[in-house]
Amino acid sequence: MGSYVIKNWIRRLRFDHNEMTQQELANLARCTRQTIIAIEQGKYAPSLELAFRIARAFEVNVEGFFQYEENK
């Protein structure tokens, strides 16, 4: 069984939403800017609750910015 990685497109979505800053997203998602940075860099997987708050900030579903795939 291979290992898996969670990829995300948060940075792209921020850019597509009027170049939203990390701080603006953090405010909408009720977390810290450092948390957003860690998620964007793939160093932190958010809780399910935080993932849904981020999704709502972008008006997408969670799979609209996270993808779980096998690490090759």
PDB file of N, CA and C in Angstrom:
ATOM      1  N   MET A   1       0.841  -1.174   0.000  1.00  0.00           N
ATOM      2  CA  MET A   1       0.000   0.000   0.000  1.00  0.00           C
ATOM      3  C   MET A   1       0.888   1.239   0.000  1.00  0.00           C
ATOM      4  N   GLY A   2       0.656   2.162  -0.944  1.00  0.00           N
ATOM      5  CA  GLY A   2       1.468   3.359  -1.064  1.00  0.00           C
ATOM      6  C   GLY A   2       1.082   4.429  -0.063  1.00  0.00           C
ATOM      7  N   SER A   3       1.914   5.448   0.000  1.00  0.00           N
ATOM      8  CA  SER A   3       1.591   6.575   0.869  1.00  0.00           C
ATOM      9  C   SER A   3       0.737   7.571   0.090  1.00  0.00           C
ATOM     10  N   TYR A   4       0.037   8.399   0.821  1.00  0.00           N
ATOM     11  CA  TYR A   4      -0.865   9.365   0.200  1.00  0.00           C
ATOM     12  C   TYR A   4      -0.526  10.769   0.668  1.00  0.00           C
ATOM     13  N   VAL A   5      -0.883  11.729  -0.147  1.00  0.00           N
ATOM     14  CA  VAL A   5      -0.625  13.129   0.150  1.00  0.00           C
ATOM     15  C   VAL A   5      -1.898  13.930  -0.113  1.00  0.00           C
ATOM     16  N   ILE A   6      -2.077  14.979   0.663  1.00  0.00           N
ATOM     17  CA  ILE A   6      -3.207  15.879   0.448  1.00  0.00           C
ATOM     18  C   ILE A   6      -2.673  17.119  -0.251  1.00  0.00           C
ATOM     19  N   LYS A   7      -3.151  17.369  -1.451  1.00  0.00           N
ATOM     20  CA  LYS A   7      -2.769  18.569  -2.205  1.00  0.00           C
ATOM     21  C   LYS A   7      -3.884  19.597  -2.069  1.00  0.00           C
ATOM     22  N   ASN A   8      -3.520  20.861  -2.239  1.00  0.00           N
ATOM     23  CA  ASN A   8      -4.557  21.894  -2.173  1.00  0.00           C
ATOM     24  C   ASN A   8      -4.286  23.008  -3.173  1.00  0.00           C
ATOM     25  N   TRP A   9      -5.346  23.742  -3.463  1.00  0.00           N
ATOM     26  CA  TRP A   9      -5.299  24.849  -4.407  1.00  0.00           C
ATOM     27  C   TRP A   9      -5.732  26.147  -3.731  1.00  0.00           C
ATOM     28  N   ILE A  10      -5.441  26.275  -2.452  1.00  0.00           N
ATOM     29  CA  ILE A  10      -5.877  27.463  -1.723  1.00  0.00           C
ATOM     30  C   ILE A  10      -5.208  28.717  -2.280  1.00  0.00           C
ATOM     31  N   ARG A  11      -3.937  28.634  -2.533  1.00  0.00           N
ATOM     32  CA  ARG A  11      -3.246  29.823  -3.056  1.00  0.00           C
ATOM     33  C   ARG A  11      -3.869  30.280  -4.367  1.00  0.00           C
ATOM     34  N   ARG A  12      -4.171  29.340  -5.237  1.00  0.00           N
ATOM     35  CA  ARG A  12      -4.803  29.681  -6.524  1.00  0.00           C
ATOM     36  C   ARG A  12      -6.181  30.298  -6.307  1.00  0.00           C
ATOM     37  N   LEU A  13      -6.954  29.723  -5.398  1.00  0.00           N
ATOM     38  CA  LEU A  13      -8.282  30.265  -5.112  1.00  0.00           C
ATOM     39  C   LEU A  13      -8.191  31.671  -4.526  1.00  0.00           C
ATOM     40  N   ARG A  14      -7.209  31.904  -3.666  1.00  0.00           N
ATOM     41  CA  ARG A  14      -7.037  33.252  -3.120  1.00  0.00           C
ATOM     42  C   ARG A  14      -6.759  34.244  -4.242  1.00  0.00           C
ATOM     43  N   PHE A  15      -5.890  33.851  -5.169  1.00  0.00           N
ATOM     44  CA  PHE A  15      -5.567  34.718  -6.298  1.00  0.00           C
ATOM     45  C   PHE A  15      -6.811  34.990  -7.144  1.00  0.00           C
ATOM     46  N   ASP A  16      -7.588  33.947  -7.387  1.00  0.00           N
ATOM     47  CA  ASP A  16      -8.800  34.081  -8.202  1.00  0.00           C
ATOM     48  C   ASP A  16      -9.911  34.877  -7.511  1.00  0.00           C
ATOM     49  N   HIS A  17      -9.802  35.058  -6.212  1.00  0.00           N
ATOM     50  CA  HIS A  17     -10.791  35.834  -5.452  1.00  0.00           C
ATOM     51  C   HIS A  17     -10.195  37.202  -5.094  1.00  0.00           C
ATOM     52  N   ASN A  18      -9.930  37.967  -6.144  1.00  0.00           N
ATOM     53  CA  ASN A  18      -9.418  39.334  -5.995  1.00  0.00           C
ATOM     54  C   ASN A  18      -8.114  39.390  -5.199  1.00  0.00           C
ATOM     55  N   GLU A  19      -7.256  38.395  -5.416  1.00  0.00           N
ATOM     56  CA  GLU A  19      -5.963  38.327  -4.743  1.00  0.00           C
ATOM     57  C   GLU A  19      -6.111  38.457  -3.220  1.00  0.00           C
ATOM     58  N   MET A  20      -7.036  37.665  -2.687  1.00  0.00           N
ATOM     59  CA  MET A  20      -7.285  37.632  -1.246  1.00  0.00           C
ATOM     60  C   MET A  20      -5.974  37.336  -0.509  1.00  0.00           C
ATOM     61  N   THR A  21      -5.735  38.049   0.564  1.00  0.00           N
ATOM     62  CA  THR A  21      -4.526  37.803   1.344  1.00  0.00           C
ATOM     63  C   THR A  21      -4.729  36.591   2.255  1.00  0.00           C
ATOM     64  N   GLN A  22      -3.626  36.073   2.740  1.00  0.00           N
ATOM     65  CA  GLN A  22      -3.708  34.980   3.696  1.00  0.00           C
ATOM     66  C   GLN A  22      -4.437  35.424   4.959  1.00  0.00           C
ATOM     67  N   GLN A  23      -4.210  36.667   5.370  1.00  0.00           N
ATOM     68  CA  GLN A  23      -4.874  37.181   6.562  1.00  0.00           C
ATOM     69  C   GLN A  23      -6.375  37.302   6.354  1.00  0.00           C
ATOM     70  N   GLU A  24      -6.802  37.751   5.176  1.00  0.00           N
ATOM     71  CA  GLU A  24      -8.236  37.848   4.887  1.00  0.00           C
ATOM     72  C   GLU A  24      -8.892  36.467   4.945  1.00  0.00           C
ATOM     73  N   LEU A  25      -8.229  35.475   4.367  1.00  0.00           N
ATOM     74  CA  LEU A  25      -8.773  34.117   4.420  1.00  0.00           C
ATOM     75  C   LEU A  25      -8.798  33.612   5.856  1.00  0.00           C
ATOM     76  N   ALA A  26      -7.744  33.857   6.588  1.00  0.00           N
ATOM     77  CA  ALA A  26      -7.695  33.431   7.987  1.00  0.00           C
ATOM     78  C   ALA A  26      -8.852  34.048   8.777  1.00  0.00           C
ATOM     79  N   ASN A  27      -9.133  35.305   8.545  1.00  0.00           N
ATOM     80  CA  ASN A  27     -10.247  35.964   9.236  1.00  0.00           C
ATOM     81  C   ASN A  27     -11.572  35.300   8.890  1.00  0.00           C
ATOM     82  N   LEU A  28     -11.778  35.008   7.600  1.00  0.00           N
ATOM     83  CA  LEU A  28     -13.027  34.364   7.172  1.00  0.00           C
ATOM     84  C   LEU A  28     -13.151  32.949   7.729  1.00  0.00           C
ATOM     85  N   ALA A  29     -12.030  32.241   7.821  1.00  0.00           N
ATOM     86  CA  ALA A  29     -12.040  30.848   8.279  1.00  0.00           C
ATOM     87  C   ALA A  29     -11.874  30.732   9.794  1.00  0.00           C
ATOM     88  N   ARG A  30     -11.686  31.858  10.452  1.00  0.00           N
ATOM     89  CA  ARG A  30     -11.506  31.902  11.910  1.00  0.00           C
ATOM     90  C   ARG A  30     -10.321  31.044  12.365  1.00  0.00           C
ATOM     91  N   CYS A  31      -9.166  31.325  11.754  1.00  0.00           N
ATOM     92  CA  CYS A  31      -7.923  30.678  12.147  1.00  0.00           C
ATOM     93  C   CYS A  31      -6.811  31.711  12.027  1.00  0.00           C
ATOM     94  N   THR A  32      -5.578  31.295  12.201  1.00  0.00           N
ATOM     95  CA  THR A  32      -4.470  32.234  12.094  1.00  0.00           C
ATOM     96  C   THR A  32      -3.881  32.231  10.684  1.00  0.00           C
ATOM     97  N   ARG A  33      -3.191  33.305  10.368  1.00  0.00           N
ATOM     98  CA  ARG A  33      -2.501  33.399   9.086  1.00  0.00           C
ATOM     99  C   ARG A  33      -1.449  32.291   8.987  1.00  0.00           C
ATOM    100  N   GLN A  34      -0.799  31.969  10.099  1.00  0.00           N
ATOM    101  CA  GLN A  34       0.207  30.912  10.112  1.00  0.00           C
ATOM    102  C   GLN A  34      -0.398  29.565   9.747  1.00  0.00           C
ATOM    103  N   THR A  35      -1.643  29.341  10.162  1.00  0.00           N
ATOM    104  CA  THR A  35      -2.329  28.093   9.800  1.00  0.00           C
ATOM    105  C   THR A  35      -2.552  28.037   8.297  1.00  0.00           C
ATOM    106  N   ILE A  36      -2.994  29.139   7.712  1.00  0.00           N
ATOM    107  CA  ILE A  36      -3.211  29.191   6.254  1.00  0.00           C
ATOM    108  C   ILE A  36      -1.898  28.935   5.527  1.00  0.00           C
ATOM    109  N   ILE A  37      -0.812  29.541   5.991  1.00  0.00           N
ATOM    110  CA  ILE A  37       0.506  29.331   5.376  1.00  0.00           C
ATOM    111  C   ILE A  37       0.874  27.849   5.416  1.00  0.00           C
ATOM    112  N   ALA A  38       0.715  27.218   6.574  1.00  0.00           N
ATOM    113  CA  ALA A  38       1.075  25.801   6.728  1.00  0.00           C
ATOM    114  C   ALA A  38       0.218  24.910   5.832  1.00  0.00           C
ATOM    115  N   ILE A  39      -1.069  25.214   5.715  1.00  0.00           N
ATOM    116  CA  ILE A  39      -1.948  24.427   4.848  1.00  0.00           C
ATOM    117  C   ILE A  39      -1.515  24.589   3.396  1.00  0.00           C
ATOM    118  N   GLU A  40      -1.281  25.824   2.954  1.00  0.00           N
ATOM    119  CA  GLU A  40      -0.871  26.072   1.568  1.00  0.00           C
ATOM    120  C   GLU A  40       0.419  25.339   1.229  1.00  0.00           C
ATOM    121  N   GLN A  41       1.334  25.257   2.182  1.00  0.00           N
ATOM    122  CA  GLN A  41       2.618  24.600   1.946  1.00  0.00           C
ATOM    123  C   GLN A  41       2.544  23.082   2.100  1.00  0.00           C
ATOM    124  N   GLY A  42       1.379  22.567   2.457  1.00  0.00           N
ATOM    125  CA  GLY A  42       1.222  21.129   2.619  1.00  0.00           C
ATOM    126  C   GLY A  42       1.848  20.586   3.891  1.00  0.00           C
ATOM    127  N   LYS A  43       2.133  21.472   4.849  1.00  0.00           N
ATOM    128  CA  LYS A  43       2.751  21.050   6.101  1.00  0.00           C
ATOM    129  C   LYS A  43       1.725  20.743   7.181  1.00  0.00           C
ATOM    130  N   TYR A  44       0.465  21.051   6.916  1.00  0.00           N
ATOM    131  CA  TYR A  44      -0.586  20.869   7.915  1.00  0.00           C
ATOM    132  C   TYR A  44      -1.883  20.504   7.214  1.00  0.00           C
ATOM    133  N   ALA A  45      -2.536  19.470   7.693  1.00  0.00           N
ATOM    134  CA  ALA A  45      -3.851  19.088   7.181  1.00  0.00           C
ATOM    135  C   ALA A  45      -4.887  19.633   8.167  1.00  0.00           C
ATOM    136  N   PRO A  46      -5.779  20.484   7.706  1.00  0.00           N
ATOM    137  CA  PRO A  46      -6.738  21.097   8.623  1.00  0.00           C
ATOM    138  C   PRO A  46      -7.769  20.101   9.130  1.00  0.00           C
ATOM    139  N   SER A  47      -8.390  20.462  10.231  1.00  0.00           N
ATOM    140  CA  SER A  47      -9.510  19.669  10.726  1.00  0.00           C
ATOM    141  C   SER A  47     -10.630  19.738   9.694  1.00  0.00           C
ATOM    142  N   LEU A  48     -11.553  18.832   9.794  1.00  0.00           N
ATOM    143  CA  LEU A  48     -12.694  18.839   8.894  1.00  0.00           C
ATOM    144  C   LEU A  48     -13.481  20.138   9.038  1.00  0.00           C
ATOM    145  N   GLU A  49     -13.647  20.582  10.261  1.00  0.00           N
ATOM    146  CA  GLU A  49     -14.378  21.830  10.503  1.00  0.00           C
ATOM    147  C   GLU A  49     -13.690  23.015   9.817  1.00  0.00           C
ATOM    148  N   LEU A  50     -12.380  23.124   9.956  1.00  0.00           N
ATOM    149  CA  LEU A  50     -11.658  24.223   9.309  1.00  0.00           C
ATOM    150  C   LEU A  50     -11.726  24.098   7.791  1.00  0.00           C
ATOM    151  N   ALA A  51     -11.631  22.902   7.269  1.00  0.00           N
ATOM    152  CA  ALA A  51     -11.734  22.693   5.814  1.00  0.00           C
ATOM    153  C   ALA A  51     -13.074  23.212   5.298  1.00  0.00           C
ATOM    154  N   PHE A  52     -14.149  22.959   6.036  1.00  0.00           N
ATOM    155  CA  PHE A  52     -15.464  23.458   5.616  1.00  0.00           C
ATOM    156  C   PHE A  52     -15.542  24.980   5.712  1.00  0.00           C
ATOM    157  N   ARG A  53     -14.902  25.568   6.720  1.00  0.00           N
ATOM    158  CA  ARG A  53     -14.918  27.037   6.823  1.00  0.00           C
ATOM    159  C   ARG A  53     -14.144  27.668   5.669  1.00  0.00           C
ATOM    160  N   ILE A  54     -13.036  27.052   5.272  1.00  0.00           N
ATOM    161  CA  ILE A  54     -12.277  27.547   4.117  1.00  0.00           C
ATOM    162  C   ILE A  54     -13.118  27.411   2.855  1.00  0.00           C
ATOM    163  N   ALA A  55     -13.786  26.274   2.702  1.00  0.00           N
ATOM    164  CA  ALA A  55     -14.645  26.055   1.531  1.00  0.00           C
ATOM    165  C   ALA A  55     -15.727  27.129   1.443  1.00  0.00           C
ATOM    166  N   ARG A  56     -16.327  27.446   2.551  1.00  0.00           N
ATOM    167  CA  ARG A  56     -17.372  28.484   2.554  1.00  0.00           C
ATOM    168  C   ARG A  56     -16.817  29.841   2.180  1.00  0.00           C
ATOM    169  N   ALA A  57     -15.583  30.123   2.580  1.00  0.00           N
ATOM    170  CA  ALA A  57     -14.963  31.407   2.231  1.00  0.00           C
ATOM    171  C   ALA A  57     -14.840  31.553   0.720  1.00  0.00           C
ATOM    172  N   PHE A  58     -14.627  30.436   0.023  1.00  0.00           N
ATOM    173  CA  PHE A  58     -14.486  30.457  -1.431  1.00  0.00           C
ATOM    174  C   PHE A  58     -15.761  30.053  -2.171  1.00  0.00           C
ATOM    175  N   GLU A  59     -16.785  29.699  -1.421  1.00  0.00           N
ATOM    176  CA  GLU A  59     -18.060  29.243  -2.001  1.00  0.00           C
ATOM    177  C   GLU A  59     -17.849  28.032  -2.917  1.00  0.00           C
ATOM    178  N   VAL A  60     -17.059  27.069  -2.432  1.00  0.00           N
ATOM    179  CA  VAL A  60     -16.827  25.807  -3.139  1.00  0.00           C
ATOM    180  C   VAL A  60     -17.000  24.677  -2.134  1.00  0.00           C
ATOM    181  N   ASN A  61     -17.016  23.434  -2.630  1.00  0.00           N
ATOM    182  CA  ASN A  61     -17.023  22.311  -1.691  1.00  0.00           C
ATOM    183  C   ASN A  61     -15.576  21.967  -1.341  1.00  0.00           C
ATOM    184  N   VAL A  62     -15.394  21.165  -0.334  1.00  0.00           N
ATOM    185  CA  VAL A  62     -14.045  20.850   0.146  1.00  0.00           C
ATOM    186  C   VAL A  62     -13.198  20.241  -0.971  1.00  0.00           C
ATOM    187  N   GLU A  63     -13.791  19.412  -1.786  1.00  0.00           N
ATOM    188  CA  GLU A  63     -13.042  18.806  -2.888  1.00  0.00           C
ATOM    189  C   GLU A  63     -12.704  19.822  -3.978  1.00  0.00           C
ATOM    190  N   GLY A  64     -13.232  21.034  -3.845  1.00  0.00           N
ATOM    191  CA  GLY A  64     -12.895  22.096  -4.787  1.00  0.00           C
ATOM    192  C   GLY A  64     -11.504  22.652  -4.574  1.00  0.00           C
ATOM    193  N   PHE A  65     -10.885  22.360  -3.439  1.00  0.00           N
ATOM    194  CA  PHE A  65      -9.539  22.862  -3.210  1.00  0.00           C
ATOM    195  C   PHE A  65      -8.600  21.866  -2.545  1.00  0.00           C
ATOM    196  N   PHE A  66      -9.114  20.723  -2.098  1.00  0.00           N
ATOM    197  CA  PHE A  66      -8.262  19.659  -1.554  1.00  0.00           C
ATOM    198  C   PHE A  66      -8.380  18.427  -2.423  1.00  0.00           C
ATOM    199  N   GLN A  67      -7.267  17.725  -2.581  1.00  0.00           N
ATOM    200  CA  GLN A  67      -7.292  16.463  -3.308  1.00  0.00           C
ATOM    201  C   GLN A  67      -6.392  15.476  -2.572  1.00  0.00           C
ATOM    202  N   TYR A  68      -6.915  14.296  -2.348  1.00  0.00           N
ATOM    203  CA  TYR A  68      -6.201  13.215  -1.660  1.00  0.00           C
ATOM    204  C   TYR A  68      -5.749  12.236  -2.714  1.00  0.00           C
ATOM    205  N   GLU A  69      -4.421  12.124  -2.911  1.00  0.00           N
ATOM    206  CA  GLU A  69      -3.948  11.217  -3.955  1.00  0.00           C
ATOM    207  C   GLU A  69      -2.683  10.473  -3.541  1.00  0.00           C
ATOM    208  N   GLU A  70      -2.427   9.398  -4.258  1.00  0.00           N
ATOM    209  CA  GLU A  70      -1.281   8.561  -3.941  1.00  0.00           C
ATOM    210  C   GLU A  70       0.008   9.314  -4.264  1.00  0.00           C
ATOM    211  N   ASN A  71       0.968   9.239  -3.353  1.00  0.00           N
ATOM    212  CA  ASN A  71       2.272   9.871  -3.510  1.00  0.00           C
ATOM    213  C   ASN A  71       3.110   8.987  -4.418  1.00  0.00           C
ATOM    214  N   LYS A  72       3.571   9.522  -5.514  1.00  0.00           N
ATOM    215  CA  LYS A  72       4.320   8.727  -6.496  1.00  0.00           C
ATOM    216  C   LYS A  72       5.801   8.943  -6.381  1.00  0.00           C
TER     217      LYS A  72
END
